[in-house]
C-alpha atoms as a PDB file:
ATOM      1  CA  MET A   1       0.100   0.008  -0.019  1.00  0.00           C
ATOM      2  CA  ILE A   2       1.553   3.231  -1.045  1.00  0.00           C
ATOM      3  CA  PHE A   3       0.269   6.634   0.555  1.00  0.00           C
ATOM      4  CA  LYS A   4       1.424  10.045  -0.513  1.00  0.00           C
ATOM      5  CA  LYS A   5       1.387  13.176   1.493  1.00  0.00           C
ATOM      6  CA  TYR A   6       1.022  16.315  -0.858  1.00  0.00           C
ATOM      7  CA  ARG A   7       3.945  18.972  -0.803  1.00  0.00           C
ATOM      8  CA  ILE A   8       2.933  22.253   0.197  1.00  0.00           C
ATOM      9  CA  LEU A   9       3.979  24.987  -2.246  1.00  0.00           C
ATOM     10  CA  ASN A  10       6.818  27.321  -1.105  1.00  0.00           C
ATOM     11  CA  VAL A  11       5.348  30.834  -0.348  1.00  0.00           C
ATOM     12  CA  GLU A  12       7.011  34.088  -1.608  1.00  0.00           C
ATOM     13  CA  PHE A  13       6.053  36.907   0.653  1.00  0.00           C
ATOM     14  CA  LEU A  14       6.278  39.521  -2.342  1.00  0.00           C
ATOM     15  CA  HIS A  15       4.139  42.179  -1.843  1.00  0.00           C
ATOM     16  CA  ILE A  16       3.571  43.133  -5.200  1.00  0.00           C
ATOM     17  CA  ASN A  17      -0.013  44.250  -5.639  1.00  0.00           C
ATOM     18  CA  LYS A  18      -1.833  44.973  -2.272  1.00  0.00           C
ATOM     19  CA  ILE A  19      -5.606  45.201  -2.464  1.00  0.00           C
ATOM     20  CA  LYS A  20      -6.657  47.331   0.600  1.00  0.00           C
ATOM     21  CA  CYS A  21     -10.039  48.090   1.535  1.00  0.00           C
ATOM     22  CA  LYS A  22     -10.828  51.799   2.535  1.00  0.00           C
ATOM     23  CA  SER A  23     -13.792  53.473   3.915  1.00  0.00           C
ATOM     24  CA  LYS A  24     -15.705  55.911   1.637  1.00  0.00           C
ATOM     25  CA  PHE A  25     -18.535  57.930   2.431  1.00  0.00           C
ATOM     26  CA  SER A  26     -20.639  60.750   1.072  1.00  0.00           C
ATOM     27  CA  ILE A  27     -23.119  63.017   2.665  1.00  0.00           C
ATOM     28  CA  GLY A  28     -25.805  63.703   0.186  1.00  0.00           C
ATOM     29  CA  TYR A  29     -28.198  66.493   1.301  1.00  0.00           C
ATOM     30  CA  GLY A  30     -30.143  68.802  -1.056  1.00  0.00           C
ATOM     31  CA  GLY A  31     -30.357  72.484  -1.158  1.00  0.00           C
ATOM     32  CA  GLU A  32     -33.109  72.680   1.359  1.00  0.00           C
ATOM     33  CA  VAL A  33     -32.460  75.581   3.699  1.00  0.00           C
ATOM     34  CA  LEU A  34     -34.669  73.843   6.404  1.00  0.00           C
ATOM     35  CA  MET A  35     -33.346  70.316   7.617  1.00  0.00           C
ATOM     36  CA  ARG A  36     -34.372  68.698  10.877  1.00  0.00           C
ATOM     37  CA  ILE A  37     -31.962  68.850  13.435  1.00  0.00           C
ATOM     38  CA  SER A  38     -32.529  64.963  14.118  1.00  0.00           C
ATOM     39  CA  LYS A  39     -31.597  63.915  10.562  1.00  0.00           C
ATOM     40  CA  PHE A  40     -28.431  66.123  10.485  1.00  0.00           C
ATOM     41  CA  LEU A  41     -27.297  64.764  13.784  1.00  0.00           C
ATOM     42  CA  ALA A  42     -27.969  61.083  12.496  1.00  0.00           C
ATOM     43  CA  ILE A  43     -25.827  61.767   9.333  1.00  0.00           C
ATOM     44  CA  ILE A  44     -22.955  63.287  11.240  1.00  0.00           C
ATOM     45  CA  MET A  45     -23.011  60.327  13.795  1.00  0.00           C
ATOM     46  CA  LEU A  46     -22.770  57.969  10.739  1.00  0.00           C
ATOM     47  CA  VAL A  47     -20.022  59.693   9.226  1.00  0.00           C
ATOM     48  CA  LEU A  48     -18.075  59.355  12.548  1.00  0.00           C
ATOM     49  CA  ILE A  49     -18.830  55.685  13.010  1.00  0.00           C
ATOM     50  CA  ILE A  50     -17.609  54.846   9.362  1.00  0.00           C
ATOM     51  CA  SER A  51     -14.369  56.848   9.786  1.00  0.00           C
ATOM     52  CA  ALA A  52     -13.615  55.425  13.080  1.00  0.00           C
ATOM     53  CA  LEU A  53     -13.815  51.737  11.523  1.00  0.00           C
ATOM     54  CA  PRO A  54     -10.414  50.110  11.177  1.00  0.00           C
ATOM     55  CA  CYS A  55      -9.839  48.391   7.867  1.00  0.00           C
ATOM     56  CA  MET A  56      -6.511  47.351   7.515  1.00  0.00           C
ATOM     57  CA  ALA A  57      -6.895  43.768   6.198  1.00  0.00           C
ATOM     58  CA  GLU A  58      -5.280  43.191   2.799  1.00  0.00           C
ATOM     59  CA  VAL A  59      -4.657  40.537   0.037  1.00  0.00           C
ATOM     60  CA  ASN A  60      -0.907  40.399  -1.391  1.00  0.00           C
ATOM     61  CA  GLU A  61      -1.152  39.097  -4.913  1.00  0.00           C
ATOM     62  CA  VAL A  62       2.161  37.362  -6.204  1.00  0.00           C
ATOM     63  CA  ASP A  63       3.696  36.365  -9.594  1.00  0.00           C
ATOM     64  CA  SER A  64       5.878  33.501  -8.148  1.00  0.00           C
ATOM     65  CA  ASN A  65       7.327  32.466 -11.555  1.00  0.00           C
ATOM     66  CA  PHE A  66       7.629  35.996 -13.147  1.00  0.00           C
ATOM     67  CA  ASP A  67       5.181  35.120 -16.159  1.00  0.00           C
ATOM     68  CA  GLY A  68       3.128  38.008 -15.733  1.00  0.00           C
ATOM     69  CA  LYS A  69       0.205  36.303 -13.893  1.00  0.00           C
ATOM     70  CA  ILE A  70      -0.719  36.239 -10.518  1.00  0.00           C
ATOM     71  CA  ASP A  71      -0.503  32.688  -9.392  1.00  0.00           C
ATOM     72  CA  GLN A  72      -0.488  33.369  -5.315  1.00  0.00           C
ATOM     73  CA  TRP A  73      -2.867  35.058  -2.923  1.00  0.00           C
ATOM     74  CA  GLN A  74      -1.713  36.018   0.721  1.00  0.00           C
ATOM     75  CA  TYR A  75      -4.637  37.097   2.931  1.00  0.00           C
ATOM     76  CA  VAL A  76      -3.301  39.119   5.972  1.00  0.00           C
ATOM     77  CA  ASN A  77      -5.677  40.174   8.702  1.00  0.00           C
ATOM     78  CA  ASP A  78      -5.578  43.631  10.574  1.00  0.00           C
ATOM     79  CA  GLU A  79      -2.828  42.291  12.864  1.00  0.00           C
ATOM     80  CA  GLY A  80      -0.744  41.934  10.015  1.00  0.00           C
ATOM     81  CA  LYS A  81      -0.654  38.139  10.159  1.00  0.00           C
ATOM     82  CA  VAL A  82      -1.026  35.517   7.432  1.00  0.00           C
ATOM     83  CA  GLU A  83      -4.448  33.583   7.452  1.00  0.00           C
ATOM     84  CA  LYS A  84      -4.834  31.972   4.319  1.00  0.00           C
ATOM     85  CA  ILE A  85      -2.562  31.507   1.084  1.00  0.00           C
ATOM     86  CA  GLU A  86      -4.085  30.449  -2.193  1.00  0.00           C
ATOM     87  CA  HIS A  87      -2.108  28.919  -4.952  1.00  0.00           C
ATOM     88  CA  ASP A  88      -2.292  28.013  -8.804  1.00  0.00           C
ATOM     89  CA  GLY A  89       0.147  25.588  -8.470  1.00  0.00           C
ATOM     90  CA  ASP A  90       0.496  24.616 -12.219  1.00  0.00           C
ATOM     91  CA  PHE A  91      -0.059  28.003 -13.495  1.00  0.00           C
ATOM     92  CA  ASP A  92      -3.191  27.496 -15.230  1.00  0.00           C
ATOM     93  CA  GLY A  93      -5.203  30.126 -13.617  1.00  0.00           C
ATOM     94  CA  LYS A  94      -7.079  28.198 -11.317  1.00  0.00           C
ATOM     95  CA  LYS A  95      -6.530  27.933  -7.531  1.00  0.00           C
ATOM     96  CA  ASP A  96      -5.528  24.219  -6.717  1.00  0.00           C
ATOM     97  CA  GLN A  97      -3.964  24.585  -3.191  1.00  0.00           C
ATOM     98  CA  ILE A  98      -5.368  26.664  -0.165  1.00  0.00           C
ATOM     99  CA  GLU A  99      -3.528  26.746   3.318  1.00  0.00           C
ATOM    100  CA  TYR A 100      -5.018  28.080   6.309  1.00  0.00           C
ATOM    101  CA  PHE A 101      -2.788  29.527   9.178  1.00  0.00           C
ATOM    102  CA  LYS A 102      -3.348  30.237  13.027  1.00  0.00           C
ATOM    103  CA  GLY A 103      -1.337  32.569  15.413  1.00  0.00           C
ATOM    104  CA  GLU A 104       2.334  33.076  14.207  1.00  0.00           C
ATOM    105  CA  LYS A 105       1.702  31.437  10.725  1.00  0.00           C
ATOM    106  CA  ILE A 106       1.272  27.996  12.288  1.00  0.00           C
ATOM    107  CA  LEU A 107      -0.142  25.488   9.608  1.00  0.00           C
ATOM    108  CA  GLU A 108      -3.585  24.296  10.525  1.00  0.00           C
ATOM    109  CA  HIS A 109      -5.206  22.844   7.256  1.00  0.00           C
ATOM    110  CA  VAL A 110      -4.357  22.594   3.539  1.00  0.00           C
ATOM    111  CA  GLU A 111      -6.711  21.723   0.685  1.00  0.00           C
ATOM    112  CA  PHE A 112      -5.849  20.196  -2.809  1.00  0.00           C
ATOM    113  CA  ASP A 113      -7.480  19.999  -5.912  1.00  0.00           C
ATOM    114  CA  ARG A 114      -5.462  16.752  -7.349  1.00  0.00           C
ATOM    115  CA  ASN A 115      -7.571  16.316 -10.540  1.00  0.00           C
ATOM    116  CA  LYS A 116      -8.050  19.914 -11.281  1.00  0.00           C
ATOM    117  CA  ASP A 117     -11.655  20.138 -11.642  1.00  0.00           C
ATOM    118  CA  GLY A 118     -11.943  23.152  -9.415  1.00  0.00           C
ATOM    119  CA  LYS A 119     -13.194  21.072  -6.399  1.00  0.00           C
ATOM    120  CA  MET A 120     -11.090  20.284  -3.179  1.00  0.00           C
ATOM    121  CA  ASP A 121     -10.554  16.837  -3.053  1.00  0.00           C
ATOM    122  CA  HIS A 122      -7.710  16.316  -0.776  1.00  0.00           C
ATOM    123  CA  MET A 123      -7.380  17.681   2.888  1.00  0.00           C
ATOM    124  CA  GLN A 124      -4.495  17.689   5.407  1.00  0.00           C
ATOM    125  CA  TYR A 125      -4.672  18.675   9.074  1.00  0.00           C
ATOM    126  CA  TYR A 126      -2.129  19.880  11.369  1.00  0.00           C
ATOM    127  CA  GLU A 127      -1.897  19.991  15.199  1.00  0.00           C
ATOM    128  CA  ASN A 128       0.768  20.421  17.697  1.00  0.00           C
ATOM    129  CA  GLY A 129       2.662  23.479  16.012  1.00  0.00           C
ATOM    130  CA  GLY A 130       1.948  22.216  12.598  1.00  0.00           C
ATOM    131  CA  LYS A 131       2.537  18.529  12.777  1.00  0.00           C
ATOM    132  CA  LEU A 132       0.537  16.551  10.074  1.00  0.00           C
ATOM    133  CA  SER A 133      -1.902  14.508  12.229  1.00  0.00           C
ATOM    134  CA  ARG A 134      -4.576  13.656   9.422  1.00  0.00           C
ATOM    135  CA  VAL A 135      -5.441  13.448   5.665  1.00  0.00           C
ATOM    136  CA  GLU A 136      -8.805  13.204   4.233  1.00  0.00           C
ATOM    137  CA  LYS A 137      -9.380  12.496   0.290  1.00  0.00           C
ATOM    138  CA  SER A 138     -11.906  11.589  -2.178  1.00  0.00           C
ATOM    139  CA  SER A 139     -10.221   8.470  -3.886  1.00  0.00           C
ATOM    140  CA  LYS A 140     -12.811   8.537  -6.500  1.00  0.00           C
ATOM    141  CA  PHE A 141     -13.037  12.466  -6.891  1.00  0.00           C
ATOM    142  CA  ASN A 142     -16.918  12.103  -6.406  1.00  0.00           C
ATOM    143  CA  ASP A 143     -17.278  14.622  -3.540  1.00  0.00           C
ATOM    144  CA  ALA A 144     -17.330  11.548  -0.923  1.00  0.00           C
ATOM    145  CA  PHE A 145     -14.179  11.761   1.307  1.00  0.00           C
ATOM    146  CA  ASP A 146     -13.796   8.022   1.722  1.00  0.00           C
ATOM    147  CA  TRP A 147     -10.002   7.619   2.576  1.00  0.00           C
ATOM    148  CA  LYS A 148      -8.602   8.833   5.916  1.00  0.00           C
ATOM    149  CA  GLU A 149      -4.944   8.678   6.908  1.00  0.00           C
ATOM    150  CA  TYR A 150      -4.023   9.132  10.466  1.00  0.00           C
ATOM    151  CA  PHE A 151      -0.465  10.097  11.936  1.00  0.00           C
ATOM    152  CA  ASN A 152       1.184  10.086  15.343  1.00  0.00           C
ATOM    153  CA  GLU A 153       2.906  12.753  17.227  1.00  0.00           C
ATOM    154  CA  ASN A 154       5.971  11.791  15.125  1.00  0.00           C
ATOM    155  CA  GLU A 155       3.906  12.187  11.905  1.00  0.00           C
ATOM    156  CA  LYS A 156       4.238   8.439  11.322  1.00  0.00           C
ATOM    157  CA  LEU A 157       1.317   6.727   9.636  1.00  0.00           C
ATOM    158  CA  THR A 158      -0.538   4.531  12.023  1.00  0.00           C
ATOM    159  CA  HIS A 159      -3.588   3.606  10.186  1.00  0.00           C
ATOM    160  CA  ILE A 160      -5.913   4.118   7.060  1.00  0.00           C
ATOM    161  CA  ALA A 161      -9.759   3.968   7.122  1.00  0.00           C
ATOM    162  CA  ILE A 162     -11.413   3.412   3.861  1.00  0.00           C
ATOM    163  CA  ASP A 163     -15.124   3.635   3.291  1.00  0.00           C
ATOM    164  CA  GLU A 164     -15.570   0.895   0.143  1.00  0.00           C
ATOM    165  CA  ASN A 165     -19.271   1.375  -0.536  1.00  0.00           C
ATOM    166  CA  GLY A 166     -20.064   5.254   0.151  1.00  0.00           C
ATOM    167  CA  ASP A 167     -22.200   4.702   3.029  1.00  0.00           C
ATOM    168  CA  LYS A 168     -19.834   6.973   5.206  1.00  0.00           C
ATOM    169  CA  LYS A 169     -18.905   4.292   7.542  1.00  0.00           C
ATOM    170  CA  THR A 170     -15.253   2.414   7.576  1.00  0.00           C
ATOM    171  CA  ASP A 171     -15.437  -0.821   5.933  1.00  0.00           C
ATOM    172  CA  THR A 172     -11.624  -1.353   6.092  1.00  0.00           C
ATOM    173  CA  THR A 173      -8.805  -0.191   8.093  1.00  0.00           C
ATOM    174  CA  GLN A 174      -5.210  -0.584   7.494  1.00  0.00           C
ATOM    175  CA  TYR A 175      -2.841  -0.596  10.228  1.00  0.00           C
ATOM    176  CA  TYR A 176       1.209   0.227   9.779  1.00  0.00           C
ATOM    177  CA  ASP A 177       4.136  -0.698  11.926  1.00  0.00           C
ATOM    178  CA  SER A 178       6.695   2.138  13.159  1.00  0.00           C
ATOM    179  CA  SER A 179       8.661   1.262   9.761  1.00  0.00           C
ATOM    180  CA  ASP A 180       5.647   2.346   7.660  1.00  0.00           C
ATOM    181  CA  LYS A 181       4.925  -1.307   6.792  1.00  0.00           C
ATOM    182  CA  LEU A 182       1.579  -2.824   6.586  1.00  0.00           C
ATOM    183  CA  ALA A 183       0.859  -4.880   9.611  1.00  0.00           C
ATOM    184  CA  ARG A 184      -2.661  -5.572   9.499  1.00  0.00           C
ATOM    185  CA  ILE A 185      -6.221  -5.257   7.791  1.00  0.00           C
ATOM    186  CA  GLU A 186      -9.347  -5.440   9.218  1.00  0.00           C
ATOM    187  CA  THR A 187     -12.482  -5.479   6.818  1.00  0.00           C
ATOM    188  CA  ASP A 188     -16.012  -5.330   7.013  1.00  0.00           C
ATOM    189  CA  THR A 189     -16.975  -7.517   3.924  1.00  0.00           C
ATOM    190  CA  ASN A 190     -20.913  -7.501   4.346  1.00  0.00           C
ATOM    191  CA  PHE A 191     -21.031  -3.547   5.193  1.00  0.00           C
ATOM    192  CA  ASP A 192     -23.149  -4.439   8.200  1.00  0.00           C
ATOM    193  CA  GLY A 193     -20.734  -2.212  10.612  1.00  0.00           C
ATOM    194  CA  ASN A 194     -18.561  -5.229  11.965  1.00  0.00           C
ATOM    195  CA  VAL A 195     -15.444  -6.445  11.130  1.00  0.00           C
ATOM    196  CA  ASP A 196     -15.464 -10.115   9.720  1.00  0.00           C
ATOM    197  CA  ARG A 197     -11.740 -10.402   8.195  1.00  0.00           C
ATOM    198  CA  TRP A 198      -8.420  -9.904  10.061  1.00  0.00           C
ATOM    199  CA  SER A 199      -5.462 -10.257   7.456  1.00  0.00           C
ATOM    200  CA  HIS A 200      -2.090 -10.063   9.191  1.00  0.00           C
ATOM    201  CA  PHE A 201       1.472  -9.467   7.445  1.00  0.00           C
ATOM    202  CA  ARG A 202       5.100 -10.357   8.046  1.00  0.00           C
ATOM    203  CA  ASP A 203       8.023  -8.654   6.756  1.00  0.00           C
ATOM    204  CA  ASP A 204       7.863  -6.671   3.695  1.00  0.00           C
ATOM    205  CA  SER A 205       3.983  -6.757   3.874  1.00  0.00           C
ATOM    206  CA  VAL A 206       3.716 -10.325   2.713  1.00  0.00           C
ATOM    207  CA  LEU A 207       0.226 -11.868   3.694  1.00  0.00           C
ATOM    208  CA  ASP A 208       0.895 -14.179   6.541  1.00  0.00           C
ATOM    209  CA  ARG A 209      -2.650 -15.504   7.674  1.00  0.00           C
ATOM    210  CA  THR A 210      -6.208 -14.441   7.528  1.00  0.00           C
ATOM    211  CA  ALA A 211      -8.931 -15.027  10.090  1.00  0.00           C
ATOM    212  CA  PHE A 212     -12.634 -15.019   9.020  1.00  0.00           C
ATOM    213  CA  ASP A 213     -15.835 -14.612  10.909  1.00  0.00           C
ATOM    214  CA  THR A 214     -18.306 -16.662   8.710  1.00  0.00           C
ATOM    215  CA  THR A 215     -20.927 -16.903  11.188  1.00  0.00           C
ATOM    216  CA  GLU A 216     -21.459 -13.189  12.003  1.00  0.00           C
ATOM    217  CA  ASP A 217     -21.030 -13.586  15.669  1.00  0.00           C
ATOM    218  CA  GLY A 218     -17.953 -11.163  15.913  1.00  0.00           C
ATOM    219  CA  LYS A 219     -15.557 -14.191  16.640  1.00  0.00           C
ATOM    220  CA  ALA A 220     -12.969 -15.719  14.100  1.00  0.00           C
ATOM    221  CA  ASP A 221     -13.873 -19.381  13.359  1.00  0.00           C
ATOM    222  CA  GLN A 222     -11.819 -19.893  10.278  1.00  0.00           C
ATOM    223  CA  TRP A 223      -7.991 -19.248   9.696  1.00  0.00           C
ATOM    224  CA  GLN A 224      -5.945 -19.598   6.672  1.00  0.00           C
ATOM    225  CA  PHE A 225      -2.226 -19.526   6.727  1.00  0.00           C
ATOM    226  CA  TYR A 226      -0.114 -18.679   3.540  1.00  0.00           C
ATOM    227  CA  HIS A 227       3.458 -19.701   1.966  1.00  0.00           C
ATOM    228  CA  ASP A 228       5.674 -16.882   0.817  1.00  0.00           C
ATOM    229  CA  ASP A 229       4.136 -16.995  -2.572  1.00  0.00           C
ATOM    230  CA  GLN A 230       0.870 -16.548  -1.071  1.00  0.00           C
ATOM    231  CA  SER A 231      -0.479 -19.737  -2.023  1.00  0.00           C
ATOM    232  CA  LEU A 232      -2.445 -21.734   0.838  1.00  0.00           C
ATOM    233  CA  LYS A 233      -0.342 -23.615   3.309  1.00  0.00           C
ATOM    234  CA  LYS A 234      -3.095 -24.527   5.841  1.00  0.00           C
ATOM    235  CA  ALA A 235      -6.744 -23.885   6.678  1.00  0.00           C
ATOM    236  CA  GLU A 236      -8.311 -24.320  10.294  1.00  0.00           C
ATOM    237  CA  TYR A 237     -11.932 -24.352  11.303  1.00  0.00           C
ATOM    238  CA  ASP A 238     -13.980 -23.906  14.312  1.00  0.00           C
ATOM    239  CA  THR A 239     -17.015 -25.910  13.375  1.00  0.00           C
ATOM    240  CA  ASN A 240     -18.887 -25.701  16.844  1.00  0.00           C
ATOM    241  CA  SER A 241     -18.161 -21.947  17.748  1.00  0.00           C
ATOM    242  CA  ASP A 242     -16.231 -22.754  20.927  1.00  0.00           C
ATOM    243  CA  GLY A 243     -13.259 -20.494  19.755  1.00  0.00           C
ATOM    244  CA  LYS A 244     -10.968 -23.497  18.933  1.00  0.00           C
ATOM    245  CA  ALA A 245      -9.862 -25.379  15.809  1.00  0.00           C
ATOM    246  CA  ASP A 246     -11.160 -28.855  15.578  1.00  0.00           C
ATOM    247  CA  ARG A 247     -10.529 -29.182  11.636  1.00  0.00           C
ATOM    248  CA  TRP A 248      -7.226 -28.495  10.095  1.00  0.00           C
ATOM    249  CA  GLU A 249      -6.772 -28.729   5.986  1.00  0.00           C
ATOM    250  CA  ILE A 250      -2.688 -29.171   5.094  1.00  0.00           C
ATOM    251  CA  PHE A 251      -1.650 -27.989   1.733  1.00  0.00           C
ATOM    252  CA  ASP A 252       1.666 -28.644  -0.271  1.00  0.00           C
ATOM    253  CA  SER A 253       3.834 -25.886  -1.579  1.00  0.00           C
ATOM    254  CA  SER A 254       1.886 -26.258  -4.886  1.00  0.00           C
ATOM    255  CA  GLY A 255      -1.492 -25.731  -2.895  1.00  0.00           C
ATOM    256  CA  LYS A 256      -2.420 -29.373  -3.315  1.00  0.00           C
ATOM    257  CA  LEU A 257      -4.380 -30.508  -0.260  1.00  0.00           C
ATOM    258  CA  LYS A 258      -2.404 -33.169   1.307  1.00  0.00           C
ATOM    259  CA  LYS A 259      -4.380 -34.230   4.510  1.00  0.00           C
ATOM    260  CA  ILE A 260      -7.177 -33.595   6.779  1.00  0.00           C
ATOM    261  CA  GLN A 261      -7.049 -33.535  10.577  1.00  0.00           C
ATOM    262  CA  LEU A 262      -9.986 -33.576  12.758  1.00  0.00           C
ATOM    263  CA  ASP A 263     -11.104 -33.300  16.625  1.00  0.00           C
ATOM    264  CA  ARG A 264     -14.277 -35.113  16.295  1.00  0.00           C
ATOM    265  CA  ASN A 265     -14.976 -35.149  20.028  1.00  0.00           C
ATOM    266  CA  PHE A 266     -13.694 -31.417  20.527  1.00  0.00           C
ATOM    267  CA  ASP A 267     -11.149 -32.374  23.291  1.00  0.00           C
ATOM    268  CA  GLY A 268      -8.354 -30.216  21.700  1.00  0.00           C
ATOM    269  CA  LYS A 269      -6.935 -33.482  20.325  1.00  0.00           C
ATOM    270  CA  ILE A 270      -6.588 -34.918  16.784  1.00  0.00           C
ATOM    271  CA  ASP A 271      -8.391 -38.161  16.655  1.00  0.00           C
ATOM    272  CA  LEU A 272      -8.749 -38.891  12.768  1.00  0.00           C
ATOM    273  CA  THR A 273      -6.005 -38.176   9.760  1.00  0.00           C
ATOM    274  CA  GLN A 274      -7.206 -38.369   6.377  1.00  0.00           C
ATOM    275  CA  LYS A 275      -4.272 -38.547   3.730  1.00  0.00           C
ATOM    276  CA  LYS A 276      -5.023 -37.364   0.378  1.00  0.00           C
END
């Protein structure tokens, strides 16, 4: 399983074009000699209020590749701090990345448009001073965020939650070890909200064994073990739902069934062997 974190574009704080909002007002009054004092005072009060309003927020427009076209927009609040930066990363005239900041330019949230259709389909969330904590994306580009990646305090991937059927519920969860290698997959194969298949992996993310819940009681009752080439090595069955295997099927390296072993009285001991 390959996962990818999108790179955040470099920001150039070039104050090329600044769009500042300015307070404007006009007092229109006719040539009447007689005007009611109350109306005059109301106009004066409105003028004073508008004139006193601070309006220091600005947008810095930047041409980062010097092609004569604006491709970056920096939104600065009235305290002079950057709150948002929009990018046209591929210089096609469309915004495809938006970064959100808090405090002293601490990254909080980034949005990407991966397929350039004008819709943001990849989100990255940051915590603890700008460390990546979660990624959400629409894997099918259908507006449904069905893929979520979770990271620990060291920004190492811990697990991925996937919604396979679009019902907004996790159906498959992939777990990774400290070396970013796939360790386990849990799956809800019938979309009833309960995990019914557990796959475990060994070195280099090679499938080692899989457990199945075939009776939908939340417990594994069938186990399959695999050779390095992923061919079936052994299968175990719990036929009486006591949590213990009582039937074993052994396969050779080619995947051919060699023998069957049974525990017919469920005492934990093999009492019948059938060779093939």
